[in-house]
Amino acid sequence: MTLINFIKPENYMLPCLNKQLFGLECLGCGIQRASLLVFKGEFVLAFKTYPAIYTLILLALFLIFNLFIRFKYDYGIKIGLISLNVIIIVVSFLIKIIN
């Protein structure tokens, strides 16, 4: 039995205050569920829940790696990954609102 199945992290997720107060999901709605699904190995469902999950993981790994090793074009890569994440998050949010 794994630790994720033993503790039941679904019971400890933070609620979205924007959704509770206004009835609309925010740009970050789904990131906790998607992260949990990635750890459980349900990769397709994680992507369907929050499409930017994998590019955010890539960005986080790059930022951690860049703390220890600096190279010539790291600033451009950071800006590119951040821009890609913003585009994916906004587009998926707009698709959620339209549907």
PDB file of N, CA and C in Angstrom:
ATOM      1  N   MET A   1       0.850  -1.181   0.000  1.00  0.00           N
ATOM      2  CA  MET A   1       0.000   0.000   0.000  1.00  0.00           C
ATOM      3  C   MET A   1       0.892   1.240   0.000  1.00  0.00           C
ATOM      4  N   THR A   2       0.654   2.145  -0.928  1.00  0.00           N
ATOM      5  CA  THR A   2       1.473   3.342  -1.022  1.00  0.00           C
ATOM      6  C   THR A   2       0.984   4.410  -0.059  1.00  0.00           C
ATOM      7  N   LEU A   3       1.833   5.377   0.180  1.00  0.00           N
ATOM      8  CA  LEU A   3       1.513   6.458   1.106  1.00  0.00           C
ATOM      9  C   LEU A   3       0.350   7.294   0.595  1.00  0.00           C
ATOM     10  N   ILE A   4       0.255   7.492  -0.731  1.00  0.00           N
ATOM     11  CA  ILE A   4      -0.845   8.281  -1.302  1.00  0.00           C
ATOM     12  C   ILE A   4      -2.182   7.604  -1.045  1.00  0.00           C
ATOM     13  N   ASN A   5      -2.228   6.293  -1.150  1.00  0.00           N
ATOM     14  CA  ASN A   5      -3.479   5.579  -0.891  1.00  0.00           C
ATOM     15  C   ASN A   5      -3.802   5.523   0.597  1.00  0.00           C
ATOM     16  N   PHE A   6      -2.789   5.573   1.445  1.00  0.00           N
ATOM     17  CA  PHE A   6      -3.000   5.476   2.885  1.00  0.00           C
ATOM     18  C   PHE A   6      -3.506   6.787   3.481  1.00  0.00           C
ATOM     19  N   ILE A   7      -2.947   7.922   3.049  1.00  0.00           N
ATOM     20  CA  ILE A   7      -3.290   9.214   3.639  1.00  0.00           C
ATOM     21  C   ILE A   7      -4.557   9.821   3.040  1.00  0.00           C
ATOM     22  N   LYS A   8      -4.905   9.530   1.812  1.00  0.00           N
ATOM     23  CA  LYS A   8      -6.035  10.127   1.103  1.00  0.00           C
ATOM     24  C   LYS A   8      -5.870  11.652   0.982  1.00  0.00           C
ATOM     25  N   PRO A   9      -4.953  12.116   0.132  1.00  0.00           N
ATOM     26  CA  PRO A   9      -4.714  13.559  -0.010  1.00  0.00           C
ATOM     27  C   PRO A   9      -5.920  14.328  -0.536  1.00  0.00           C
ATOM     28  N   GLU A  10      -6.894  13.636  -1.135  1.00  0.00           N
ATOM     29  CA  GLU A  10      -8.092  14.328  -1.623  1.00  0.00           C
ATOM     30  C   GLU A  10      -8.813  15.034  -0.482  1.00  0.00           C
ATOM     31  N   ASN A  11      -8.681  14.501   0.718  1.00  0.00           N
ATOM     32  CA  ASN A  11      -9.352  15.082   1.877  1.00  0.00           C
ATOM     33  C   ASN A  11      -8.683  16.362   2.358  1.00  0.00           C
ATOM     34  N   TYR A  12      -7.476  16.650   1.898  1.00  0.00           N
ATOM     35  CA  TYR A  12      -6.714  17.799   2.384  1.00  0.00           C
ATOM     36  C   TYR A  12      -6.483  18.874   1.322  1.00  0.00           C
ATOM     37  N   MET A  13      -7.200  18.794   0.210  1.00  0.00           N
ATOM     38  CA  MET A  13      -7.019  19.788  -0.847  1.00  0.00           C
ATOM     39  C   MET A  13      -7.675  21.106  -0.468  1.00  0.00           C
ATOM     40  N   LEU A  14      -7.035  22.180  -0.862  1.00  0.00           N
ATOM     41  CA  LEU A  14      -7.576  23.511  -0.593  1.00  0.00           C
ATOM     42  C   LEU A  14      -8.732  23.810  -1.539  1.00  0.00           C
ATOM     43  N   PRO A  15      -9.799  24.418  -1.030  1.00  0.00           N
ATOM     44  CA  PRO A  15     -10.904  24.781  -1.919  1.00  0.00           C
ATOM     45  C   PRO A  15     -10.574  26.053  -2.703  1.00  0.00           C
ATOM     46  N   CYS A  16     -11.193  26.208  -3.843  1.00  0.00           N
ATOM     47  CA  CYS A  16     -11.018  27.422  -4.646  1.00  0.00           C
ATOM     48  C   CYS A  16     -11.988  28.479  -4.123  1.00  0.00           C
ATOM     49  N   LEU A  17     -11.436  29.531  -3.542  1.00  0.00           N
ATOM     50  CA  LEU A  17     -12.292  30.585  -2.995  1.00  0.00           C
ATOM     51  C   LEU A  17     -13.045  31.328  -4.090  1.00  0.00           C
ATOM     52  N   ASN A  18     -12.415  31.485  -5.250  1.00  0.00           N
ATOM     53  CA  ASN A  18     -13.078  32.138  -6.372  1.00  0.00           C
ATOM     54  C   ASN A  18     -14.323  31.365  -6.788  1.00  0.00           C
ATOM     55  N   LYS A  19     -14.211  30.043  -6.831  1.00  0.00           N
ATOM     56  CA  LYS A  19     -15.337  29.203  -7.214  1.00  0.00           C
ATOM     57  C   LYS A  19     -16.432  29.222  -6.143  1.00  0.00           C
ATOM     58  N   GLN A  20     -16.024  29.241  -4.873  1.00  0.00           N
ATOM     59  CA  GLN A  20     -17.002  29.268  -3.789  1.00  0.00           C
ATOM     60  C   GLN A  20     -17.731  30.605  -3.708  1.00  0.00           C
ATOM     61  N   LEU A  21     -17.006  31.704  -3.910  1.00  0.00           N
ATOM     62  CA  LEU A  21     -17.609  33.032  -3.766  1.00  0.00           C
ATOM     63  C   LEU A  21     -18.381  33.468  -5.005  1.00  0.00           C
ATOM     64  N   PHE A  22     -17.812  33.222  -6.175  1.00  0.00           N
ATOM     65  CA  PHE A  22     -18.393  33.755  -7.405  1.00  0.00           C
ATOM     66  C   PHE A  22     -18.987  32.697  -8.322  1.00  0.00           C
ATOM     67  N   GLY A  23     -18.718  31.432  -8.054  1.00  0.00           N
ATOM     68  CA  GLY A  23     -19.251  30.360  -8.885  1.00  0.00           C
ATOM     69  C   GLY A  23     -18.473  30.125 -10.169  1.00  0.00           C
ATOM     70  N   LEU A  24     -17.348  30.808 -10.345  1.00  0.00           N
ATOM     71  CA  LEU A  24     -16.504  30.642 -11.532  1.00  0.00           C
ATOM     72  C   LEU A  24     -15.163  30.059 -11.135  1.00  0.00           C
ATOM     73  N   GLU A  25     -14.677  29.133 -11.943  1.00  0.00           N
ATOM     74  CA  GLU A  25     -13.362  28.581 -11.679  1.00  0.00           C
ATOM     75  C   GLU A  25     -12.290  29.612 -11.997  1.00  0.00           C
ATOM     76  N   CYS A  26     -11.179  29.534 -11.264  1.00  0.00           N
ATOM     77  CA  CYS A  26     -10.061  30.440 -11.525  1.00  0.00           C
ATOM     78  C   CYS A  26      -9.082  29.784 -12.496  1.00  0.00           C
ATOM     79  N   LEU A  27      -8.007  30.489 -12.818  1.00  0.00           N
ATOM     80  CA  LEU A  27      -7.015  29.960 -13.754  1.00  0.00           C
ATOM     81  C   LEU A  27      -6.253  28.768 -13.181  1.00  0.00           C
ATOM     82  N   GLY A  28      -6.247  28.625 -11.877  1.00  0.00           N
ATOM     83  CA  GLY A  28      -5.509  27.538 -11.250  1.00  0.00           C
ATOM     84  C   GLY A  28      -6.366  26.364 -10.827  1.00  0.00           C
ATOM     85  N   CYS A  29      -7.663  26.442 -11.078  1.00  0.00           N
ATOM     86  CA  CYS A  29      -8.545  25.340 -10.673  1.00  0.00           C
ATOM     87  C   CYS A  29      -8.153  24.057 -11.399  1.00  0.00           C
ATOM     88  N   GLY A  30      -7.915  23.029 -10.633  1.00  0.00           N
ATOM     89  CA  GLY A  30      -7.564  21.738 -11.192  1.00  0.00           C
ATOM     90  C   GLY A  30      -6.113  21.366 -11.016  1.00  0.00           C
ATOM     91  N   ILE A  31      -5.258  22.305 -10.613  1.00  0.00           N
ATOM     92  CA  ILE A  31      -3.830  21.998 -10.518  1.00  0.00           C
ATOM     93  C   ILE A  31      -3.543  21.027  -9.380  1.00  0.00           C
ATOM     94  N   GLN A  32      -4.277  21.117  -8.277  1.00  0.00           N
ATOM     95  CA  GLN A  32      -4.063  20.172  -7.173  1.00  0.00           C
ATOM     96  C   GLN A  32      -4.487  18.762  -7.580  1.00  0.00           C
ATOM     97  N   ARG A  33      -5.655  18.664  -8.195  1.00  0.00           N
ATOM     98  CA  ARG A  33      -6.137  17.349  -8.638  1.00  0.00           C
ATOM     99  C   ARG A  33      -5.208  16.765  -9.690  1.00  0.00           C
ATOM    100  N   ALA A  34      -4.749  17.606 -10.624  1.00  0.00           N
ATOM    101  CA  ALA A  34      -3.852  17.126 -11.683  1.00  0.00           C
ATOM    102  C   ALA A  34      -2.516  16.661 -11.097  1.00  0.00           C
ATOM    103  N   SER A  35      -1.997  17.385 -10.120  1.00  0.00           N
ATOM    104  CA  SER A  35      -0.743  16.983  -9.482  1.00  0.00           C
ATOM    105  C   SER A  35      -0.904  15.636  -8.797  1.00  0.00           C
ATOM    106  N   LEU A  36      -2.001  15.457  -8.108  1.00  0.00           N
ATOM    107  CA  LEU A  36      -2.267  14.184  -7.446  1.00  0.00           C
ATOM    108  C   LEU A  36      -2.399  13.053  -8.470  1.00  0.00           C
ATOM    109  N   LEU A  37      -3.064  13.333  -9.575  1.00  0.00           N
ATOM    110  CA  LEU A  37      -3.215  12.312 -10.613  1.00  0.00           C
ATOM    111  C   LEU A  37      -1.879  11.935 -11.244  1.00  0.00           C
ATOM    112  N   VAL A  38      -0.973  12.906 -11.380  1.00  0.00           N
ATOM    113  CA  VAL A  38       0.362  12.601 -11.907  1.00  0.00           C
ATOM    114  C   VAL A  38       1.083  11.662 -10.946  1.00  0.00           C
ATOM    115  N   PHE A  39       0.997  11.952  -9.640  1.00  0.00           N
ATOM    116  CA  PHE A  39       1.656  11.088  -8.661  1.00  0.00           C
ATOM    117  C   PHE A  39       1.034   9.696  -8.610  1.00  0.00           C
ATOM    118  N   LYS A  40      -0.252   9.608  -8.934  1.00  0.00           N
ATOM    119  CA  LYS A  40      -0.913   8.304  -8.963  1.00  0.00           C
ATOM    120  C   LYS A  40      -0.654   7.556 -10.270  1.00  0.00           C
ATOM    121  N   GLY A  41      -0.092   8.248 -11.267  1.00  0.00           N
ATOM    122  CA  GLY A  41       0.216   7.599 -12.533  1.00  0.00           C
ATOM    123  C   GLY A  41      -0.883   7.704 -13.574  1.00  0.00           C
ATOM    124  N   GLU A  42      -1.886   8.514 -13.333  1.00  0.00           N
ATOM    125  CA  GLU A  42      -2.984   8.699 -14.285  1.00  0.00           C
ATOM    126  C   GLU A  42      -2.697   9.947 -15.123  1.00  0.00           C
ATOM    127  N   PHE A  43      -1.805   9.775 -16.101  1.00  0.00           N
ATOM    128  CA  PHE A  43      -1.252  10.904 -16.834  1.00  0.00           C
ATOM    129  C   PHE A  43      -2.248  11.555 -17.794  1.00  0.00           C
ATOM    130  N   VAL A  44      -3.046  10.780 -18.471  1.00  0.00           N
ATOM    131  CA  VAL A  44      -4.015  11.343 -19.418  1.00  0.00           C
ATOM    132  C   VAL A  44      -5.091  12.121 -18.664  1.00  0.00           C
ATOM    133  N   LEU A  45      -5.582  11.557 -17.573  1.00  0.00           N
ATOM    134  CA  LEU A  45      -6.599  12.242 -16.777  1.00  0.00           C
ATOM    135  C   LEU A  45      -6.039  13.519 -16.157  1.00  0.00           C
ATOM    136  N   ALA A  46      -4.767  13.499 -15.783  1.00  0.00           N
ATOM    137  CA  ALA A  46      -4.126  14.702 -15.248  1.00  0.00           C
ATOM    138  C   ALA A  46      -4.098  15.804 -16.308  1.00  0.00           C
ATOM    139  N   PHE A  47      -3.778  15.427 -17.543  1.00  0.00           N
ATOM    140  CA  PHE A  47      -3.758  16.413 -18.626  1.00  0.00           C
ATOM    141  C   PHE A  47      -5.151  16.961 -18.902  1.00  0.00           C
ATOM    142  N   LYS A  48      -6.160  16.083 -18.868  1.00  0.00           N
ATOM    143  CA  LYS A  48      -7.528  16.541 -19.097  1.00  0.00           C
ATOM    144  C   LYS A  48      -8.011  17.449 -17.974  1.00  0.00           C
ATOM    145  N   THR A  49      -7.544  17.200 -16.759  1.00  0.00           N
ATOM    146  CA  THR A  49      -7.940  18.021 -15.618  1.00  0.00           C
ATOM    147  C   THR A  49      -7.296  19.402 -15.678  1.00  0.00           C
ATOM    148  N   TYR A  50      -6.008  19.448 -15.972  1.00  0.00           N
ATOM    149  CA  TYR A  50      -5.277  20.720 -16.027  1.00  0.00           C
ATOM    150  C   TYR A  50      -4.202  20.606 -17.103  1.00  0.00           C
ATOM    151  N   PRO A  51      -4.475  21.098 -18.313  1.00  0.00           N
ATOM    152  CA  PRO A  51      -3.559  20.883 -19.446  1.00  0.00           C
ATOM    153  C   PRO A  51      -2.137  21.414 -19.267  1.00  0.00           C
ATOM    154  N   ALA A  52      -1.933  22.388 -18.406  1.00  0.00           N
ATOM    155  CA  ALA A  52      -0.596  22.959 -18.250  1.00  0.00           C
ATOM    156  C   ALA A  52       0.258  22.207 -17.233  1.00  0.00           C
ATOM    157  N   ILE A  53      -0.215  21.097 -16.707  1.00  0.00           N
ATOM    158  CA  ILE A  53       0.502  20.408 -15.631  1.00  0.00           C
ATOM    159  C   ILE A  53       1.901  19.966 -16.066  1.00  0.00           C
ATOM    160  N   TYR A  54       2.033  19.456 -17.255  1.00  0.00           N
ATOM    161  CA  TYR A  54       3.341  18.942 -17.678  1.00  0.00           C
ATOM    162  C   TYR A  54       4.318  20.053 -18.018  1.00  0.00           C
ATOM    163  N   THR A  55       3.840  21.140 -18.596  1.00  0.00           N
ATOM    164  CA  THR A  55       4.746  22.252 -18.872  1.00  0.00           C
ATOM    165  C   THR A  55       5.129  22.963 -17.571  1.00  0.00           C
ATOM    166  N   LEU A  56       4.249  22.951 -16.577  1.00  0.00           N
ATOM    167  CA  LEU A  56       4.604  23.515 -15.276  1.00  0.00           C
ATOM    168  C   LEU A  56       5.646  22.651 -14.571  1.00  0.00           C
ATOM    169  N   ILE A  57       5.524  21.345 -14.696  1.00  0.00           N
ATOM    170  CA  ILE A  57       6.526  20.448 -14.125  1.00  0.00           C
ATOM    171  C   ILE A  57       7.864  20.658 -14.823  1.00  0.00           C
ATOM    172  N   LEU A  58       7.825  20.799 -16.150  1.00  0.00           N
ATOM    173  CA  LEU A  58       9.048  21.059 -16.908  1.00  0.00           C
ATOM    174  C   LEU A  58       9.683  22.383 -16.467  1.00  0.00           C
ATOM    175  N   LEU A  59       8.877  23.413 -16.286  1.00  0.00           N
ATOM    176  CA  LEU A  59       9.384  24.707 -15.828  1.00  0.00           C
ATOM    177  C   LEU A  59       9.998  24.588 -14.441  1.00  0.00           C
ATOM    178  N   ALA A  60       9.319  23.902 -13.525  1.00  0.00           N
ATOM    179  CA  ALA A  60       9.846  23.740 -12.171  1.00  0.00           C
ATOM    180  C   ALA A  60      11.172  22.984 -12.177  1.00  0.00           C
ATOM    181  N   LEU A  61      11.245  21.911 -12.964  1.00  0.00           N
ATOM    182  CA  LEU A  61      12.493  21.155 -13.052  1.00  0.00           C
ATOM    183  C   LEU A  61      13.618  22.002 -13.646  1.00  0.00           C
ATOM    184  N   PHE A  62      13.295  22.799 -14.661  1.00  0.00           N
ATOM    185  CA  PHE A  62      14.307  23.661 -15.261  1.00  0.00           C
ATOM    186  C   PHE A  62      14.796  24.704 -14.260  1.00  0.00           C
ATOM    187  N   LEU A  63      13.879  25.309 -13.496  1.00  0.00           N
ATOM    188  CA  LEU A  63      14.273  26.330 -12.522  1.00  0.00           C
ATOM    189  C   LEU A  63      15.146  25.728 -11.419  1.00  0.00           C
ATOM    190  N   ILE A  64      14.812  24.537 -10.968  1.00  0.00           N
ATOM    191  CA  ILE A  64      15.635  23.873  -9.952  1.00  0.00           C
ATOM    192  C   ILE A  64      17.011  23.536 -10.519  1.00  0.00           C
ATOM    193  N   PHE A  65      17.039  22.995 -11.734  1.00  0.00           N
ATOM    194  CA  PHE A  65      18.301  22.666 -12.403  1.00  0.00           C
ATOM    195  C   PHE A  65      19.146  23.926 -12.594  1.00  0.00           C
ATOM    196  N   ASN A  66      18.492  25.031 -12.933  1.00  0.00           N
ATOM    197  CA  ASN A  66      19.193  26.280 -13.216  1.00  0.00           C
ATOM    198  C   ASN A  66      19.752  26.937 -11.953  1.00  0.00           C
ATOM    199  N   LEU A  67      19.261  26.543 -10.792  1.00  0.00           N
ATOM    200  CA  LEU A  67      19.851  27.049  -9.547  1.00  0.00           C
ATOM    201  C   LEU A  67      21.290  26.567  -9.382  1.00  0.00           C
ATOM    202  N   PHE A  68      21.568  25.375  -9.866  1.00  0.00           N
ATOM    203  CA  PHE A  68      22.876  24.772  -9.688  1.00  0.00           C
ATOM    204  C   PHE A  68      23.794  24.939 -10.890  1.00  0.00           C
ATOM    205  N   ILE A  69      23.218  24.949 -12.081  1.00  0.00           N
ATOM    206  CA  ILE A  69      24.017  25.060 -13.306  1.00  0.00           C
ATOM    207  C   ILE A  69      23.472  26.209 -14.147  1.00  0.00           C
ATOM    208  N   ARG A  70      24.314  27.187 -14.378  1.00  0.00           N
ATOM    209  CA  ARG A  70      23.944  28.332 -15.215  1.00  0.00           C
ATOM    210  C   ARG A  70      24.536  28.137 -16.610  1.00  0.00           C
ATOM    211  N   PHE A  71      23.802  28.577 -17.603  1.00  0.00           N
ATOM    212  CA  PHE A  71      24.338  28.534 -18.951  1.00  0.00           C
ATOM    213  C   PHE A  71      23.843  29.730 -19.737  1.00  0.00           C
ATOM    214  N   LYS A  72      24.297  29.842 -20.969  1.00  0.00           N
ATOM    215  CA  LYS A  72      24.181  31.073 -21.747  1.00  0.00           C
ATOM    216  C   LYS A  72      22.738  31.521 -22.008  1.00  0.00           C
ATOM    217  N   TYR A  73      21.863  30.645 -22.409  1.00  0.00           N
ATOM    218  CA  TYR A  73      20.523  31.046 -22.816  1.00  0.00           C
ATOM    219  C   TYR A  73      19.451  30.690 -21.789  1.00  0.00           C
ATOM    220  N   ASP A  74      19.812  30.637 -20.517  1.00  0.00           N
ATOM    221  CA  ASP A  74      18.836  30.231 -19.510  1.00  0.00           C
ATOM    222  C   ASP A  74      17.698  31.239 -19.365  1.00  0.00           C
ATOM    223  N   TYR A  75      17.985  32.524 -19.503  1.00  0.00           N
ATOM    224  CA  TYR A  75      16.932  33.539 -19.380  1.00  0.00           C
ATOM    225  C   TYR A  75      15.902  33.390 -20.500  1.00  0.00           C
ATOM    226  N   GLY A  76      16.341  33.165 -21.709  1.00  0.00           N
ATOM    227  CA  GLY A  76      15.429  32.986 -22.837  1.00  0.00           C
ATOM    228  C   GLY A  76      14.569  31.739 -22.696  1.00  0.00           C
ATOM    229  N   ILE A  77      15.171  30.672 -22.179  1.00  0.00           N
ATOM    230  CA  ILE A  77      14.407  29.440 -21.963  1.00  0.00           C
ATOM    231  C   ILE A  77      13.356  29.655 -20.881  1.00  0.00           C
ATOM    232  N   LYS A  78      13.737  30.359 -19.810  1.00  0.00           N
ATOM    233  CA  LYS A  78      12.766  30.657 -18.740  1.00  0.00           C
ATOM    234  C   LYS A  78      11.591  31.458 -19.281  1.00  0.00           C
ATOM    235  N   ILE A  79      11.878  32.506 -20.018  1.00  0.00           N
ATOM    236  CA  ILE A  79      10.814  33.346 -20.580  1.00  0.00           C
ATOM    237  C   ILE A  79       9.950  32.540 -21.537  1.00  0.00           C
ATOM    238  N   GLY A  80      10.556  31.695 -22.341  1.00  0.00           N
ATOM    239  CA  GLY A  80       9.805  30.855 -23.272  1.00  0.00           C
ATOM    240  C   GLY A  80       8.884  29.882 -22.542  1.00  0.00           C
ATOM    241  N   LEU A  81       9.396  29.212 -21.513  1.00  0.00           N
ATOM    242  CA  LEU A  81       8.576  28.269 -20.748  1.00  0.00           C
ATOM    243  C   LEU A  81       7.459  28.976 -19.990  1.00  0.00           C
ATOM    244  N   ILE A  82       7.760  30.128 -19.421  1.00  0.00           N
ATOM    245  CA  ILE A  82       6.729  30.894 -18.713  1.00  0.00           C
ATOM    246  C   ILE A  82       5.649  31.346 -19.687  1.00  0.00           C
ATOM    247  N   SER A  83       6.059  31.836 -20.855  1.00  0.00           N
ATOM    248  CA  SER A  83       5.087  32.279 -21.862  1.00  0.00           C
ATOM    249  C   SER A  83       4.225  31.113 -22.334  1.00  0.00           C
ATOM    250  N   LEU A  84       4.842  29.969 -22.577  1.00  0.00           N
ATOM    251  CA  LEU A  84       4.101  28.785 -22.988  1.00  0.00           C
ATOM    252  C   LEU A  84       3.074  28.394 -21.925  1.00  0.00           C
ATOM    253  N   ASN A  85       3.464  28.420 -20.660  1.00  0.00           N
ATOM    254  CA  ASN A  85       2.547  28.079 -19.581  1.00  0.00           C
ATOM    255  C   ASN A  85       1.387  29.058 -19.491  1.00  0.00           C
ATOM    256  N   VAL A  86       1.678  30.334 -19.613  1.00  0.00           N
ATOM    257  CA  VAL A  86       0.611  31.345 -19.551  1.00  0.00           C
ATOM    258  C   VAL A  86      -0.379  31.136 -20.698  1.00  0.00           C
ATOM    259  N   ILE A  87       0.127  30.887 -21.885  1.00  0.00           N
ATOM    260  CA  ILE A  87      -0.751  30.666 -23.041  1.00  0.00           C
ATOM    261  C   ILE A  87      -1.630  29.438 -22.823  1.00  0.00           C
ATOM    262  N   ILE A  88      -1.035  28.330 -22.380  1.00  0.00           N
ATOM    263  CA  ILE A  88      -1.812  27.106 -22.157  1.00  0.00           C
ATOM    264  C   ILE A  88      -2.864  27.320 -21.077  1.00  0.00           C
ATOM    265  N   ILE A  89      -2.493  27.979 -19.988  1.00  0.00           N
ATOM    266  CA  ILE A  89      -3.433  28.209 -18.880  1.00  0.00           C
ATOM    267  C   ILE A  89      -4.591  29.090 -19.330  1.00  0.00           C
ATOM    268  N   VAL A  90      -4.299  30.175 -20.027  1.00  0.00           N
ATOM    269  CA  VAL A  90      -5.357  31.095 -20.461  1.00  0.00           C
ATOM    270  C   VAL A  90      -6.266  30.440 -21.502  1.00  0.00           C
ATOM    271  N   VAL A  91      -5.688  29.744 -22.455  1.00  0.00           N
ATOM    272  CA  VAL A  91      -6.501  29.091 -23.490  1.00  0.00           C
ATOM    273  C   VAL A  91      -7.398  28.018 -22.869  1.00  0.00           C
ATOM    274  N   SER A  92      -6.850  27.198 -21.981  1.00  0.00           N
ATOM    275  CA  SER A  92      -7.674  26.157 -21.357  1.00  0.00           C
ATOM    276  C   SER A  92      -8.755  26.766 -20.464  1.00  0.00           C
ATOM    277  N   PHE A  93      -8.453  27.899 -19.819  1.00  0.00           N
ATOM    278  CA  PHE A  93      -9.466  28.603 -19.027  1.00  0.00           C
ATOM    279  C   PHE A  93     -10.594  29.130 -19.907  1.00  0.00           C
ATOM    280  N   LEU A  94     -10.237  29.717 -21.039  1.00  0.00           N
ATOM    281  CA  LEU A  94     -11.257  30.231 -21.951  1.00  0.00           C
ATOM    282  C   LEU A  94     -12.111  29.098 -22.523  1.00  0.00           C
ATOM    283  N   ILE A  95     -11.493  27.969 -22.823  1.00  0.00           N
ATOM    284  CA  ILE A  95     -12.252  26.817 -23.314  1.00  0.00           C
ATOM    285  C   ILE A  95     -13.208  26.325 -22.236  1.00  0.00           C
ATOM    286  N   LYS A  96     -12.761  26.321 -20.967  1.00  0.00           N
ATOM    287  CA  LYS A  96     -13.619  25.918 -19.857  1.00  0.00           C
ATOM    288  C   LYS A  96     -14.821  26.841 -19.721  1.00  0.00           C
ATOM    289  N   ILE A  97     -14.589  28.147 -19.869  1.00  0.00           N
ATOM    290  CA  ILE A  97     -15.673  29.122 -19.726  1.00  0.00           C
ATOM    291  C   ILE A  97     -16.683  28.975 -20.875  1.00  0.00           C
ATOM    292  N   ILE A  98     -16.182  28.788 -22.090  1.00  0.00           N
ATOM    293  CA  ILE A  98     -17.066  28.679 -23.251  1.00  0.00           C
ATOM    294  C   ILE A  98     -17.929  27.425 -23.167  1.00  0.00           C
ATOM    295  N   ASN A  99     -17.348  26.337 -22.721  1.00  0.00           N
ATOM    296  CA  ASN A  99     -18.108  25.084 -22.614  1.00  0.00           C
ATOM    297  C   ASN A  99     -18.830  25.108 -21.337  1.00  0.00           C
TER     298      ASN A  99
END
